[in-house]
N, C-alpha and C. Protein backbone atom coordinates (compact mmCIF):
# COMPACT_ATOMS: atom_id res chain seq x y z
N MET A 1 69.43 46.54 -44.75
CA MET A 1 68.70 47.17 -45.70
C MET A 1 69.39 47.17 -46.98
N ILE A 2 68.79 47.01 -48.14
CA ILE A 2 69.43 47.06 -49.49
C ILE A 2 69.53 48.57 -49.76
N ILE A 3 70.59 48.84 -50.29
CA ILE A 3 70.87 50.28 -50.81
C ILE A 3 70.91 50.45 -52.24
N GLU A 4 71.44 49.38 -52.92
CA GLU A 4 71.48 49.57 -54.37
C GLU A 4 71.45 47.97 -54.87
N GLY A 5 71.02 47.96 -56.26
CA GLY A 5 71.08 46.49 -56.89
C GLY A 5 71.25 46.70 -58.25
N LYS A 6 71.67 45.47 -58.94
CA LYS A 6 71.86 45.30 -60.28
C LYS A 6 71.12 44.08 -60.73
N ILE A 7 70.22 44.08 -61.74
CA ILE A 7 69.66 43.01 -62.33
C ILE A 7 70.28 42.89 -63.67
N GLU A 8 70.94 41.61 -64.03
CA GLU A 8 71.36 41.28 -65.36
C GLU A 8 70.56 40.22 -65.98
N LYS A 9 69.96 40.40 -67.03
CA LYS A 9 69.11 39.52 -67.78
C LYS A 9 69.87 38.45 -68.28
N LEU A 10 69.56 37.22 -67.90
CA LEU A 10 70.24 36.03 -68.55
C LEU A 10 69.65 35.34 -69.53
N GLY A 11 68.28 35.53 -69.93
CA GLY A 11 67.62 34.89 -70.99
C GLY A 11 66.24 34.64 -70.60
N GLU A 12 65.41 33.75 -71.24
CA GLU A 12 64.10 33.60 -71.03
C GLU A 12 63.51 33.59 -69.67
N GLY A 13 63.31 34.96 -69.29
CA GLY A 13 62.76 35.41 -67.99
C GLY A 13 63.65 35.16 -66.73
N LEU A 14 64.83 34.80 -66.96
CA LEU A 14 65.78 34.61 -65.84
C LEU A 14 66.81 35.73 -65.59
N ALA A 15 67.21 35.92 -64.46
CA ALA A 15 68.14 37.09 -64.07
C ALA A 15 69.11 36.64 -63.11
N GLN A 16 70.06 37.56 -63.15
CA GLN A 16 71.21 37.30 -61.86
C GLN A 16 70.87 38.71 -61.09
N LEU A 17 70.99 38.73 -59.82
CA LEU A 17 70.69 39.79 -59.02
C LEU A 17 71.97 40.04 -58.19
N THR A 18 72.43 41.17 -58.07
CA THR A 18 73.43 41.43 -57.33
C THR A 18 72.96 42.82 -56.27
N VAL A 19 72.94 42.56 -55.01
CA VAL A 19 72.58 43.62 -54.15
C VAL A 19 73.49 43.92 -53.24
N THR A 20 73.59 45.40 -52.76
CA THR A 20 74.58 45.81 -51.74
C THR A 20 73.77 46.30 -50.55
N TYR A 21 74.09 45.87 -49.35
CA TYR A 21 73.49 46.31 -48.14
C TYR A 21 74.07 47.50 -47.60
N ASP A 22 73.53 48.09 -46.53
CA ASP A 22 73.98 49.26 -46.04
C ASP A 22 75.42 49.13 -45.13
N ASP A 23 75.58 47.91 -44.87
CA ASP A 23 77.09 47.64 -44.34
C ASP A 23 78.08 47.20 -45.52
N ASN A 24 77.87 47.38 -46.65
CA ASN A 24 78.74 47.13 -47.82
C ASN A 24 78.87 45.61 -48.16
N HIS A 25 77.97 44.80 -47.55
CA HIS A 25 77.94 43.43 -47.90
C HIS A 25 77.34 43.19 -49.16
N LYS A 26 77.82 42.43 -50.06
CA LYS A 26 77.25 42.00 -51.44
C LYS A 26 76.70 40.77 -51.46
N VAL A 27 75.70 40.30 -52.25
CA VAL A 27 74.99 39.19 -52.23
C VAL A 27 74.68 39.11 -53.73
N ILE A 28 74.92 37.85 -54.34
CA ILE A 28 74.84 37.61 -55.94
C ILE A 28 73.95 36.35 -55.83
N LYS A 29 72.87 36.45 -56.50
CA LYS A 29 71.92 35.06 -56.75
C LYS A 29 71.75 35.11 -58.33
N THR A 30 71.73 33.97 -58.65
CA THR A 30 71.66 33.73 -60.16
C THR A 30 70.43 32.58 -60.38
N GLY A 31 69.72 32.87 -61.66
CA GLY A 31 68.78 31.94 -62.13
C GLY A 31 67.32 32.27 -61.50
N LEU A 32 67.22 33.53 -61.15
CA LEU A 32 65.82 34.01 -60.38
C LEU A 32 64.99 34.51 -61.59
N ASN A 33 63.63 34.52 -61.25
CA ASN A 33 62.61 34.95 -62.19
C ASN A 33 62.78 36.42 -62.37
N ILE A 34 62.85 36.95 -63.30
CA ILE A 34 62.97 38.36 -63.51
C ILE A 34 62.02 39.25 -62.95
N LEU A 35 60.75 38.97 -63.05
CA LEU A 35 59.61 39.76 -62.55
C LEU A 35 59.53 39.61 -61.07
N THR A 36 59.89 38.57 -60.43
CA THR A 36 60.00 38.56 -58.96
C THR A 36 61.31 39.44 -58.54
N VAL A 37 62.28 39.44 -59.10
CA VAL A 37 63.42 40.28 -58.78
C VAL A 37 62.95 41.81 -58.78
N ILE A 38 62.24 42.10 -59.83
CA ILE A 38 61.74 43.52 -60.15
C ILE A 38 60.87 43.95 -58.92
N ARG A 39 60.06 43.04 -58.57
CA ARG A 39 58.96 43.26 -57.50
C ARG A 39 59.77 43.49 -56.17
N LEU A 40 60.91 42.49 -55.97
CA LEU A 40 61.53 42.73 -54.77
C LEU A 40 62.23 44.13 -54.54
N MET A 41 62.70 44.63 -55.86
CA MET A 41 63.49 45.90 -55.85
C MET A 41 62.60 46.99 -55.33
N ARG A 42 61.31 46.88 -56.06
CA ARG A 42 60.43 47.93 -55.66
C ARG A 42 59.76 47.82 -54.23
N SER A 43 59.58 46.66 -53.75
CA SER A 43 59.20 46.60 -52.41
C SER A 43 60.17 46.96 -51.42
N GLU A 44 61.40 46.92 -51.64
CA GLU A 44 62.40 47.45 -50.85
C GLU A 44 62.68 48.85 -50.98
N GLY A 45 62.03 49.47 -51.67
CA GLY A 45 61.89 51.03 -51.79
C GLY A 45 63.25 51.55 -52.79
N LEU A 46 63.67 50.66 -53.75
CA LEU A 46 64.68 51.03 -54.58
C LEU A 46 63.94 51.57 -55.88
N SER A 47 64.52 52.39 -56.70
CA SER A 47 64.16 53.07 -57.92
C SER A 47 65.15 52.72 -59.19
N LEU A 48 64.52 52.46 -60.21
CA LEU A 48 65.37 52.18 -61.31
C LEU A 48 66.14 53.52 -61.85
N ILE A 49 67.46 53.42 -61.99
CA ILE A 49 68.10 54.72 -62.30
C ILE A 49 68.59 54.51 -63.56
N GLU A 50 68.90 53.46 -64.20
CA GLU A 50 69.44 53.23 -65.59
C GLU A 50 69.23 51.76 -65.98
N LYS A 51 69.06 51.70 -67.23
CA LYS A 51 68.84 50.40 -67.98
C LYS A 51 69.68 50.43 -69.31
N ASP A 52 70.61 49.42 -69.47
CA ASP A 52 71.26 49.47 -70.85
C ASP A 52 70.76 48.51 -71.86
N VAL A 53 71.29 48.68 -72.94
CA VAL A 53 70.87 47.91 -74.27
C VAL A 53 70.84 46.37 -73.92
N ASN A 54 71.55 45.83 -73.17
CA ASN A 54 71.80 44.50 -72.78
C ASN A 54 70.80 43.94 -71.74
N GLY A 55 69.91 44.66 -71.33
CA GLY A 55 68.96 44.35 -70.29
C GLY A 55 69.37 44.30 -68.91
N THR A 56 70.62 44.96 -68.68
CA THR A 56 71.16 45.27 -67.15
C THR A 56 70.44 46.35 -66.81
N SER A 57 69.90 46.40 -65.59
CA SER A 57 69.24 47.67 -64.96
C SER A 57 69.90 47.76 -63.45
N PHE A 58 70.04 49.15 -63.19
CA PHE A 58 70.68 49.41 -61.84
C PHE A 58 69.55 50.26 -61.04
N TRP A 59 69.56 49.89 -59.78
CA TRP A 59 68.56 50.42 -58.94
C TRP A 59 69.28 50.93 -57.79
N LYS A 60 68.70 51.99 -57.06
CA LYS A 60 69.23 52.72 -56.06
C LYS A 60 68.14 53.18 -55.02
N ARG A 61 68.45 53.25 -53.91
CA ARG A 61 67.43 53.65 -52.86
C ARG A 61 67.70 55.19 -52.80
N GLU A 62 66.54 55.96 -52.95
CA GLU A 62 66.52 57.31 -52.89
C GLU A 62 65.99 57.85 -51.58
N ASP A 63 66.80 58.34 -50.79
CA ASP A 63 66.41 58.83 -49.49
C ASP A 63 66.29 60.32 -49.30
């Protein structure tokens, strides 16, 4: 289960996704469609907790 994530905007609709699972395993994927990544975060039950001026957003599961 994903417990937190970070989306970094790379440019024209692309993003780098970093997610942390409940066993502290981290996965980083680059070059993903930003809208698909946002839908994934929401479908996993994560909520946006912060977004900075560079387009990086931080997501966390609220239990």
